[in-house]
Amino acid sequence: METIPKNDEAPTERLAYSIQEAADMLGVNYFSVYRLIQRNKLKVCRALRGKLLVPRTELLKLLGTE
C-alpha cells in the first residue's frame, strides 16, 4: 500500500466561497452580497444544482487588494 506524502506547507486558499461565506468575509449581511451581485459589482459562478459561488479573485477586487 502506497502512502501519500504529507504537505508541510500552509493550506492553499479556496477558489470560491458561498454567498454566506463571502458575506462573513466582507463583514456584511447575506442580502448585501446579493445586492452587489444584482448591481454587477460582484461576479459569481454557478456550481452544481444552481448554487452560487463567489470567486476569491472577485472578493479581492471588491476589497481593492488585488
PDB file of N, CA and C in Angstrom:
ATOM      1  N   MET A   1       0.842  -1.174   0.000  1.00  0.00           N
ATOM      2  CA  MET A   1       0.000   0.000   0.000  1.00  0.00           C
ATOM      3  C   MET A   1       0.890   1.241   0.000  1.00  0.00           C
ATOM      4  N   GLU A   2       0.613   2.156  -0.881  1.00  0.00           N
ATOM      5  CA  GLU A   2       1.403   3.374  -1.026  1.00  0.00           C
ATOM      6  C   GLU A   2       0.872   4.462  -0.095  1.00  0.00           C
ATOM      7  N   THR A   3       1.774   5.118   0.601  1.00  0.00           N
ATOM      8  CA  THR A   3       1.358   6.208   1.475  1.00  0.00           C
ATOM      9  C   THR A   3       1.446   7.528   0.739  1.00  0.00           C
ATOM     10  N   ILE A   4       0.559   8.417   1.084  1.00  0.00           N
ATOM     11  CA  ILE A   4       0.527   9.734   0.457  1.00  0.00           C
ATOM     12  C   ILE A   4       1.410  10.661   1.271  1.00  0.00           C
ATOM     13  N   PRO A   5       2.374  11.321   0.633  1.00  0.00           N
ATOM     14  CA  PRO A   5       3.246  12.221   1.392  1.00  0.00           C
ATOM     15  C   PRO A   5       2.472  13.420   1.926  1.00  0.00           C
ATOM     16  N   LYS A   6       2.799  13.820   3.144  1.00  0.00           N
ATOM     17  CA  LYS A   6       2.135  14.968   3.751  1.00  0.00           C
ATOM     18  C   LYS A   6       2.764  16.252   3.247  1.00  0.00           C
ATOM     19  N   ASN A   7       1.934  17.229   3.038  1.00  0.00           N
ATOM     20  CA  ASN A   7       2.385  18.527   2.579  1.00  0.00           C
ATOM     21  C   ASN A   7       2.573  19.416   3.805  1.00  0.00           C
ATOM     22  N   ASP A   8       3.789  19.867   4.061  1.00  0.00           N
ATOM     23  CA  ASP A   8       4.078  20.674   5.240  1.00  0.00           C
ATOM     24  C   ASP A   8       3.763  22.149   5.038  1.00  0.00           C
ATOM     25  N   GLU A   9       3.374  22.530   3.830  1.00  0.00           N
ATOM     26  CA  GLU A   9       3.060  23.924   3.554  1.00  0.00           C
ATOM     27  C   GLU A   9       1.693  24.288   4.125  1.00  0.00           C
ATOM     28  N   ALA A  10       1.452  25.586   4.225  1.00  0.00           N
ATOM     29  CA  ALA A  10       0.150  26.065   4.689  1.00  0.00           C
ATOM     30  C   ALA A  10      -0.919  25.673   3.673  1.00  0.00           C
ATOM     31  N   PRO A  11      -2.145  25.475   4.114  1.00  0.00           N
ATOM     32  CA  PRO A  11      -3.213  25.102   3.169  1.00  0.00           C
ATOM     33  C   PRO A  11      -3.440  26.211   2.146  1.00  0.00           C
ATOM     34  N   THR A  12      -3.747  25.815   0.934  1.00  0.00           N
ATOM     35  CA  THR A  12      -3.969  26.799  -0.118  1.00  0.00           C
ATOM     36  C   THR A  12      -5.331  27.454   0.050  1.00  0.00           C
ATOM     37  N   GLU A  13      -5.453  28.637  -0.497  1.00  0.00           N
ATOM     38  CA  GLU A  13      -6.723  29.365  -0.428  1.00  0.00           C
ATOM     39  C   GLU A  13      -7.755  28.677  -1.315  1.00  0.00           C
ATOM     40  N   ARG A  14      -9.001  28.767  -0.900  1.00  0.00           N
ATOM     41  CA  ARG A  14     -10.078  28.224  -1.721  1.00  0.00           C
ATOM     42  C   ARG A  14     -10.277  29.103  -2.935  1.00  0.00           C
ATOM     43  N   LEU A  15     -10.789  28.527  -4.000  1.00  0.00           N
ATOM     44  CA  LEU A  15     -11.012  29.271  -5.234  1.00  0.00           C
ATOM     45  C   LEU A  15     -12.320  30.035  -5.229  1.00  0.00           C
ATOM     46  N   ALA A  16     -13.295  29.556  -4.474  1.00  0.00           N
ATOM     47  CA  ALA A  16     -14.602  30.211  -4.447  1.00  0.00           C
ATOM     48  C   ALA A  16     -15.268  29.986  -3.098  1.00  0.00           C
ATOM     49  N   TYR A  17     -16.180  30.891  -2.773  1.00  0.00           N
ATOM     50  CA  TYR A  17     -16.877  30.852  -1.493  1.00  0.00           C
ATOM     51  C   TYR A  17     -18.384  30.951  -1.713  1.00  0.00           C
ATOM     52  N   SER A  18     -19.140  30.414  -0.762  1.00  0.00           N
ATOM     53  CA  SER A  18     -20.594  30.535  -0.827  1.00  0.00           C
ATOM     54  C   SER A  18     -20.982  31.979  -0.536  1.00  0.00           C
ATOM     55  N   ILE A  19     -22.239  32.310  -0.760  1.00  0.00           N
ATOM     56  CA  ILE A  19     -22.717  33.673  -0.507  1.00  0.00           C
ATOM     57  C   ILE A  19     -22.551  34.024   0.968  1.00  0.00           C
ATOM     58  N   GLN A  20     -22.892  33.099   1.853  1.00  0.00           N
ATOM     59  CA  GLN A  20     -22.775  33.354   3.295  1.00  0.00           C
ATOM     60  C   GLN A  20     -21.316  33.534   3.705  1.00  0.00           C
ATOM     61  N   GLU A  21     -20.437  32.705   3.172  1.00  0.00           N
ATOM     62  CA  GLU A  21     -19.011  32.832   3.489  1.00  0.00           C
ATOM     63  C   GLU A  21     -18.460  34.161   2.990  1.00  0.00           C
ATOM     64  N   ALA A  22     -18.874  34.572   1.799  1.00  0.00           N
ATOM     65  CA  ALA A  22     -18.436  35.857   1.260  1.00  0.00           C
ATOM     66  C   ALA A  22     -18.940  37.009   2.124  1.00  0.00           C
ATOM     67  N   ALA A  23     -20.178  36.913   2.579  1.00  0.00           N
ATOM     68  CA  ALA A  23     -20.743  37.943   3.451  1.00  0.00           C
ATOM     69  C   ALA A  23     -19.960  38.024   4.753  1.00  0.00           C
ATOM     70  N   ASP A  24     -19.628  36.886   5.317  1.00  0.00           N
ATOM     71  CA  ASP A  24     -18.845  36.865   6.553  1.00  0.00           C
ATOM     72  C   ASP A  24     -17.466  37.487   6.350  1.00  0.00           C
ATOM     73  N   MET A  25     -16.841  37.174   5.227  1.00  0.00           N
ATOM     74  CA  MET A  25     -15.513  37.721   4.940  1.00  0.00           C
ATOM     75  C   MET A  25     -15.561  39.231   4.735  1.00  0.00           C
ATOM     76  N   LEU A  26     -16.628  39.710   4.108  1.00  0.00           N
ATOM     77  CA  LEU A  26     -16.763  41.139   3.843  1.00  0.00           C
ATOM     78  C   LEU A  26     -17.311  41.893   5.050  1.00  0.00           C
ATOM     79  N   GLY A  27     -17.866  41.164   6.002  1.00  0.00           N
ATOM     80  CA  GLY A  27     -18.439  41.792   7.179  1.00  0.00           C
ATOM     81  C   GLY A  27     -19.763  42.477   6.914  1.00  0.00           C
ATOM     82  N   VAL A  28     -20.526  41.900   5.975  1.00  0.00           N
ATOM     83  CA  VAL A  28     -21.825  42.465   5.621  1.00  0.00           C
ATOM     84  C   VAL A  28     -22.891  41.387   5.728  1.00  0.00           C
ATOM     85  N   ASN A  29     -24.127  41.803   5.531  1.00  0.00           N
ATOM     86  CA  ASN A  29     -25.265  40.904   5.567  1.00  0.00           C
ATOM     87  C   ASN A  29     -25.300  40.037   4.313  1.00  0.00           C
ATOM     88  N   TYR A  30     -25.897  38.858   4.447  1.00  0.00           N
ATOM     89  CA  TYR A  30     -26.104  37.919   3.344  1.00  0.00           C
ATOM     90  C   TYR A  30     -26.781  38.607   2.152  1.00  0.00           C
ATOM     91  N   PHE A  31     -27.800  39.414   2.435  1.00  0.00           N
ATOM     92  CA  PHE A  31     -28.556  40.067   1.373  1.00  0.00           C
ATOM     93  C   PHE A  31     -27.758  41.187   0.703  1.00  0.00           C
ATOM     94  N   SER A  32     -26.816  41.759   1.419  1.00  0.00           N
ATOM     95  CA  SER A  32     -25.958  42.794   0.828  1.00  0.00           C
ATOM     96  C   SER A  32     -25.112  42.216  -0.295  1.00  0.00           C
ATOM     97  N   VAL A  33     -24.681  40.984  -0.135  1.00  0.00           N
ATOM     98  CA  VAL A  33     -23.905  40.320  -1.189  1.00  0.00           C
ATOM     99  C   VAL A  33     -24.787  40.112  -2.412  1.00  0.00           C
ATOM    100  N   TYR A  34     -26.056  39.721  -2.199  1.00  0.00           N
ATOM    101  CA  TYR A  34     -26.974  39.564  -3.327  1.00  0.00           C
ATOM    102  C   TYR A  34     -27.192  40.895  -4.054  1.00  0.00           C
ATOM    103  N   ARG A  35     -27.276  41.981  -3.311  1.00  0.00           N
ATOM    104  CA  ARG A  35     -27.435  43.292  -3.944  1.00  0.00           C
ATOM    105  C   ARG A  35     -26.209  43.639  -4.787  1.00  0.00           C
ATOM    106  N   LEU A  36     -25.026  43.305  -4.287  1.00  0.00           N
ATOM    107  CA  LEU A  36     -23.804  43.544  -5.063  1.00  0.00           C
ATOM    108  C   LEU A  36     -23.829  42.744  -6.367  1.00  0.00           C
ATOM    109  N   ILE A  37     -24.343  41.528  -6.295  1.00  0.00           N
ATOM    110  CA  ILE A  37     -24.443  40.676  -7.487  1.00  0.00           C
ATOM    111  C   ILE A  37     -25.446  41.269  -8.473  1.00  0.00           C
ATOM    112  N   GLN A  38     -26.605  41.703  -7.975  1.00  0.00           N
ATOM    113  CA  GLN A  38     -27.639  42.278  -8.836  1.00  0.00           C
ATOM    114  C   GLN A  38     -27.166  43.563  -9.512  1.00  0.00           C
ATOM    115  N   ARG A  39     -26.337  44.328  -8.833  1.00  0.00           N
ATOM    116  CA  ARG A  39     -25.826  45.591  -9.384  1.00  0.00           C
ATOM    117  C   ARG A  39     -24.552  45.406 -10.197  1.00  0.00           C
ATOM    118  N   ASN A  40     -24.189  44.146 -10.455  1.00  0.00           N
ATOM    119  CA  ASN A  40     -22.999  43.787 -11.237  1.00  0.00           C
ATOM    120  C   ASN A  40     -21.706  44.322 -10.635  1.00  0.00           C
ATOM    121  N   LYS A  41     -21.666  44.459  -9.330  1.00  0.00           N
ATOM    122  CA  LYS A  41     -20.444  44.856  -8.631  1.00  0.00           C
ATOM    123  C   LYS A  41     -19.627  43.634  -8.240  1.00  0.00           C
ATOM    124  N   LEU A  42     -20.282  42.471  -8.253  1.00  0.00           N
ATOM    125  CA  LEU A  42     -19.648  41.224  -7.850  1.00  0.00           C
ATOM    126  C   LEU A  42     -20.099  40.126  -8.803  1.00  0.00           C
ATOM    127  N   LYS A  43     -19.152  39.488  -9.450  1.00  0.00           N
ATOM    128  CA  LYS A  43     -19.470  38.409 -10.383  1.00  0.00           C
ATOM    129  C   LYS A  43     -19.471  37.083  -9.641  1.00  0.00           C
ATOM    130  N   VAL A  44     -20.385  36.214 -10.026  1.00  0.00           N
ATOM    131  CA  VAL A  44     -20.492  34.892  -9.415  1.00  0.00           C
ATOM    132  C   VAL A  44     -20.522  33.827 -10.493  1.00  0.00           C
ATOM    133  N   CYS A  45     -20.349  32.604 -10.072  1.00  0.00           N
ATOM    134  CA  CYS A  45     -20.493  31.475 -10.992  1.00  0.00           C
ATOM    135  C   CYS A  45     -21.446  30.481 -10.342  1.00  0.00           C
ATOM    136  N   ARG A  46     -22.029  29.642 -11.163  1.00  0.00           N
ATOM    137  CA  ARG A  46     -22.980  28.658 -10.665  1.00  0.00           C
ATOM    138  C   ARG A  46     -22.298  27.297 -10.588  1.00  0.00           C
ATOM    139  N   ALA A  47     -22.504  26.653  -9.458  1.00  0.00           N
ATOM    140  CA  ALA A  47     -21.996  25.297  -9.263  1.00  0.00           C
ATOM    141  C   ALA A  47     -23.131  24.320  -9.558  1.00  0.00           C
ATOM    142  N   LEU A  48     -22.924  23.103  -9.203  1.00  0.00           N
ATOM    143  CA  LEU A  48     -23.961  22.102  -9.396  1.00  0.00           C
ATOM    144  C   LEU A  48     -25.215  22.475  -8.624  1.00  0.00           C
ATOM    145  N   ARG A  49     -26.343  22.130  -9.160  1.00  0.00           N
ATOM    146  CA  ARG A  49     -27.658  22.401  -8.563  1.00  0.00           C
ATOM    147  C   ARG A  49     -27.939  23.890  -8.398  1.00  0.00           C
ATOM    148  N   GLY A  50     -27.262  24.725  -9.186  1.00  0.00           N
ATOM    149  CA  GLY A  50     -27.570  26.145  -9.195  1.00  0.00           C
ATOM    150  C   GLY A  50     -27.006  26.960  -8.047  1.00  0.00           C
ATOM    151  N   LYS A  51     -26.166  26.365  -7.208  1.00  0.00           N
ATOM    152  CA  LYS A  51     -25.593  27.099  -6.082  1.00  0.00           C
ATOM    153  C   LYS A  51     -24.656  28.182  -6.591  1.00  0.00           C
ATOM    154  N   LEU A  52     -24.795  29.382  -6.041  1.00  0.00           N
ATOM    155  CA  LEU A  52     -23.942  30.490  -6.439  1.00  0.00           C
ATOM    156  C   LEU A  52     -22.640  30.463  -5.647  1.00  0.00           C
ATOM    157  N   LEU A  53     -21.539  30.659  -6.340  1.00  0.00           N
ATOM    158  CA  LEU A  53     -20.232  30.733  -5.712  1.00  0.00           C
ATOM    159  C   LEU A  53     -19.555  32.036  -6.107  1.00  0.00           C
ATOM    160  N   VAL A  54     -18.906  32.662  -5.145  1.00  0.00           N
ATOM    161  CA  VAL A  54     -18.183  33.906  -5.390  1.00  0.00           C
ATOM    162  C   VAL A  54     -16.698  33.562  -5.511  1.00  0.00           C
ATOM    163  N   PRO A  55     -16.098  33.796  -6.676  1.00  0.00           N
ATOM    164  CA  PRO A  55     -14.669  33.519  -6.817  1.00  0.00           C
ATOM    165  C   PRO A  55     -13.826  34.398  -5.895  1.00  0.00           C
ATOM    166  N   ARG A  56     -12.734  33.843  -5.387  1.00  0.00           N
ATOM    167  CA  ARG A  56     -11.845  34.575  -4.491  1.00  0.00           C
ATOM    168  C   ARG A  56     -11.300  35.822  -5.163  1.00  0.00           C
ATOM    169  N   THR A  57     -11.013  35.740  -6.454  1.00  0.00           N
ATOM    170  CA  THR A  57     -10.474  36.900  -7.174  1.00  0.00           C
ATOM    171  C   THR A  57     -11.460  38.056  -7.184  1.00  0.00           C
ATOM    172  N   GLU A  58     -12.770  37.749  -7.259  1.00  0.00           N
ATOM    173  CA  GLU A  58     -13.787  38.802  -7.245  1.00  0.00           C
ATOM    174  C   GLU A  58     -13.852  39.484  -5.877  1.00  0.00           C
ATOM    175  N   LEU A  59     -13.705  38.705  -4.818  1.00  0.00           N
ATOM    176  CA  LEU A  59     -13.691  39.291  -3.482  1.00  0.00           C
ATOM    177  C   LEU A  59     -12.485  40.209  -3.304  1.00  0.00           C
ATOM    178  N   LEU A  60     -11.344  39.771  -3.817  1.00  0.00           N
ATOM    179  CA  LEU A  60     -10.136  40.589  -3.712  1.00  0.00           C
ATOM    180  C   LEU A  60     -10.269  41.882  -4.507  1.00  0.00           C
ATOM    181  N   LYS A  61     -10.888  41.801  -5.684  1.00  0.00           N
ATOM    182  CA  LYS A  61     -11.120  43.003  -6.485  1.00  0.00           C
ATOM    183  C   LYS A  61     -12.031  43.991  -5.750  1.00  0.00           C
ATOM    184  N   LEU A  62     -13.076  43.454  -5.132  1.00  0.00           N
ATOM    185  CA  LEU A  62     -14.026  44.295  -4.413  1.00  0.00           C
ATOM    186  C   LEU A  62     -13.353  44.980  -3.224  1.00  0.00           C
ATOM    187  N   LEU A  63     -12.465  44.258  -2.567  1.00  0.00           N
ATOM    188  CA  LEU A  63     -11.759  44.824  -1.425  1.00  0.00           C
ATOM    189  C   LEU A  63     -10.603  45.736  -1.851  1.00  0.00           C
ATOM    190  N   GLY A  64     -10.248  45.680  -3.132  1.00  0.00           N
ATOM    191  CA  GLY A  64      -9.169  46.519  -3.645  1.00  0.00           C
ATOM    192  C   GLY A  64      -7.785  46.030  -3.253  1.00  0.00           C
ATOM    193  N   THR A  65      -7.658  44.745  -2.976  1.00  0.00           N
ATOM    194  CA  THR A  65      -6.351  44.204  -2.592  1.00  0.00           C
ATOM    195  C   THR A  65      -5.647  43.472  -3.714  1.00  0.00           C
ATOM    196  N   GLU A  66      -6.259  43.424  -4.861  1.00  0.00           N
ATOM    197  CA  GLU A  66      -5.616  42.720  -5.986  1.00  0.00           C
ATOM    198  C   GLU A  66      -5.262  43.717  -7.056  1.00  0.00           C
TER     199      GLU A  66
END
